[in-house]
Amino acid sequence: MAGLVPAIHAVQIQPMRGGWVYIMTNRPNGTLYTGVTNDLSRRAWEHREGQIDGFTKRYGLKRLVWFERYEDIRDAIQRERNMKHWRRAWKARLILDLNPDWRDLYDDLA
């Protein structure tokens, strides 16, 4: 009766690859953009170089001022969605806690 019983395979579910939540701006206390990516260096470079049309290119948001790392991209996506609903003052507080001078953190990524 070979072939009548479906084969049972043990599947090990692994969490998805990690991700980053980040905030870009054009100057201290300027316009803020919150985003999520699986490759922060690449994405920050794309913002700096104006590679992607949209909000960040339109407003010249080239300064990476805050970021958080997550082991699972799904957690990063959820955090970014939550932060999109935050008041500006709450995002500014996150930036000030990590980066009180609002300096560009892009060079720190290498």
Protein backbone atom coordinates (compact mmCIF):
# COMPACT_ATOMS: atom_id res chain seq x y z
CA MET A 1 0.00 0.00 0.00
CA ALA A 2 2.90 2.23 -0.66
CA GLY A 3 1.94 5.69 -1.77
CA LEU A 4 -1.46 5.72 -0.10
CA VAL A 5 -0.30 7.42 3.09
CA PRO A 6 0.95 10.95 2.56
CA ALA A 7 4.45 11.58 3.75
CA ILE A 8 4.69 13.62 6.91
CA HIS A 9 7.59 16.00 7.05
CA ALA A 10 8.62 17.92 10.11
CA VAL A 11 8.94 21.58 9.18
CA GLN A 12 10.89 23.85 11.42
CA ILE A 13 9.46 27.37 11.31
CA GLN A 14 12.11 30.02 11.68
CA PRO A 15 11.42 33.69 12.32
CA MET A 16 11.74 35.95 9.32
CA ARG A 17 14.94 37.92 8.86
CA GLY A 18 15.42 40.98 11.04
CA GLY A 19 14.46 44.54 10.32
CA TRP A 20 14.97 48.16 11.28
CA VAL A 21 12.62 51.01 12.13
CA TYR A 22 14.16 54.41 11.43
CA ILE A 23 13.46 58.13 11.34
CA MET A 24 14.79 60.51 8.69
CA THR A 25 14.72 64.33 8.78
CA ASN A 26 16.03 67.30 6.82
CA ARG A 27 17.33 69.29 9.84
CA PRO A 28 17.05 69.39 13.62
CA ASN A 29 13.36 69.66 14.55
CA GLY A 30 12.49 69.48 10.85
CA THR A 31 10.10 67.26 8.94
CA LEU A 32 10.10 63.63 10.15
CA TYR A 33 9.66 60.39 8.21
CA THR A 34 9.32 57.00 9.90
CA GLY A 35 10.16 53.93 7.84
CA VAL A 36 10.96 50.23 8.05
CA THR A 37 13.51 48.17 6.12
CA ASN A 38 15.49 44.94 6.24
CA ASP A 39 18.70 46.75 5.16
CA LEU A 40 19.20 50.07 6.94
CA SER A 41 22.48 51.02 5.24
CA ARG A 42 21.01 50.55 1.76
CA ARG A 43 17.75 52.31 2.58
CA ALA A 44 19.44 55.30 4.24
CA TRP A 45 21.71 55.62 1.18
CA GLU A 46 18.65 55.56 -1.11
CA HIS A 47 17.11 58.42 0.89
CA ARG A 48 20.36 60.41 0.84
CA GLU A 49 20.78 59.99 -2.91
CA GLY A 50 17.11 60.65 -3.75
CA GLN A 51 16.83 57.23 -5.42
CA ILE A 52 13.15 56.74 -4.54
CA ASP A 53 10.46 59.23 -5.51
CA GLY A 54 8.08 60.19 -2.74
CA PHE A 55 7.80 62.02 0.55
CA THR A 56 11.46 61.86 1.59
CA LYS A 57 12.72 63.04 -1.79
CA ARG A 58 10.11 65.83 -1.98
CA TYR A 59 11.08 67.22 1.43
CA GLY A 60 14.82 66.50 1.26
CA LEU A 61 14.87 64.09 4.20
CA LYS A 62 18.45 62.83 4.05
CA ARG A 63 19.51 62.76 7.69
CA LEU A 64 19.14 59.45 9.58
CA VAL A 65 18.55 60.53 13.19
CA TRP A 66 17.11 57.43 14.92
CA PHE A 67 16.83 53.67 14.43
CA GLU A 68 15.94 50.43 16.25
CA ARG A 69 16.85 46.85 15.30
CA TYR A 70 14.43 43.92 15.49
CA GLU A 71 15.25 40.23 15.11
CA ASP A 72 11.99 39.61 13.25
CA ILE A 73 10.90 41.94 10.43
CA ARG A 74 7.27 41.48 11.47
CA ASP A 75 8.03 43.15 14.81
CA ALA A 76 9.72 46.04 13.00
CA ILE A 77 6.72 46.46 10.71
CA GLN A 78 4.34 46.53 13.67
CA ARG A 79 6.50 49.08 15.53
CA GLU A 80 6.62 51.32 12.44
CA ARG A 81 2.83 51.12 12.03
CA ASN A 82 2.35 52.09 15.66
CA MET A 83 4.79 54.98 15.40
CA LYS A 84 3.02 56.36 12.31
CA HIS A 85 0.11 57.17 14.66
CA TRP A 86 2.27 58.82 17.33
CA ARG A 87 2.35 62.52 17.98
CA ARG A 88 5.38 64.35 16.65
CA ALA A 89 6.51 65.18 20.20
CA TRP A 90 6.78 61.47 21.05
CA LYS A 91 9.00 60.82 18.01
CA ALA A 92 11.11 63.87 18.85
CA ARG A 93 11.59 62.47 22.38
CA LEU A 94 12.88 59.17 20.94
CA ILE A 95 15.37 61.09 18.80
CA LEU A 96 16.50 63.31 21.67
CA ASP A 97 17.05 60.30 23.95
CA LEU A 98 19.33 58.57 21.40
CA ASN A 99 20.69 61.54 19.48
CA PRO A 100 20.29 64.88 21.31
CA ASP A 101 22.25 66.80 18.64
CA TRP A 102 20.13 65.41 15.79
CA ARG A 103 23.35 64.42 14.01
CA ASP A 104 23.28 62.19 10.94
CA LEU A 105 23.85 58.59 12.08
CA TYR A 106 24.46 57.26 8.56
CA ASP A 107 28.25 57.20 9.00
CA ASP A 108 27.84 55.13 12.19
CA LEU A 109 26.30 52.25 10.21
CA ALA A 110 29.53 51.11 8.56
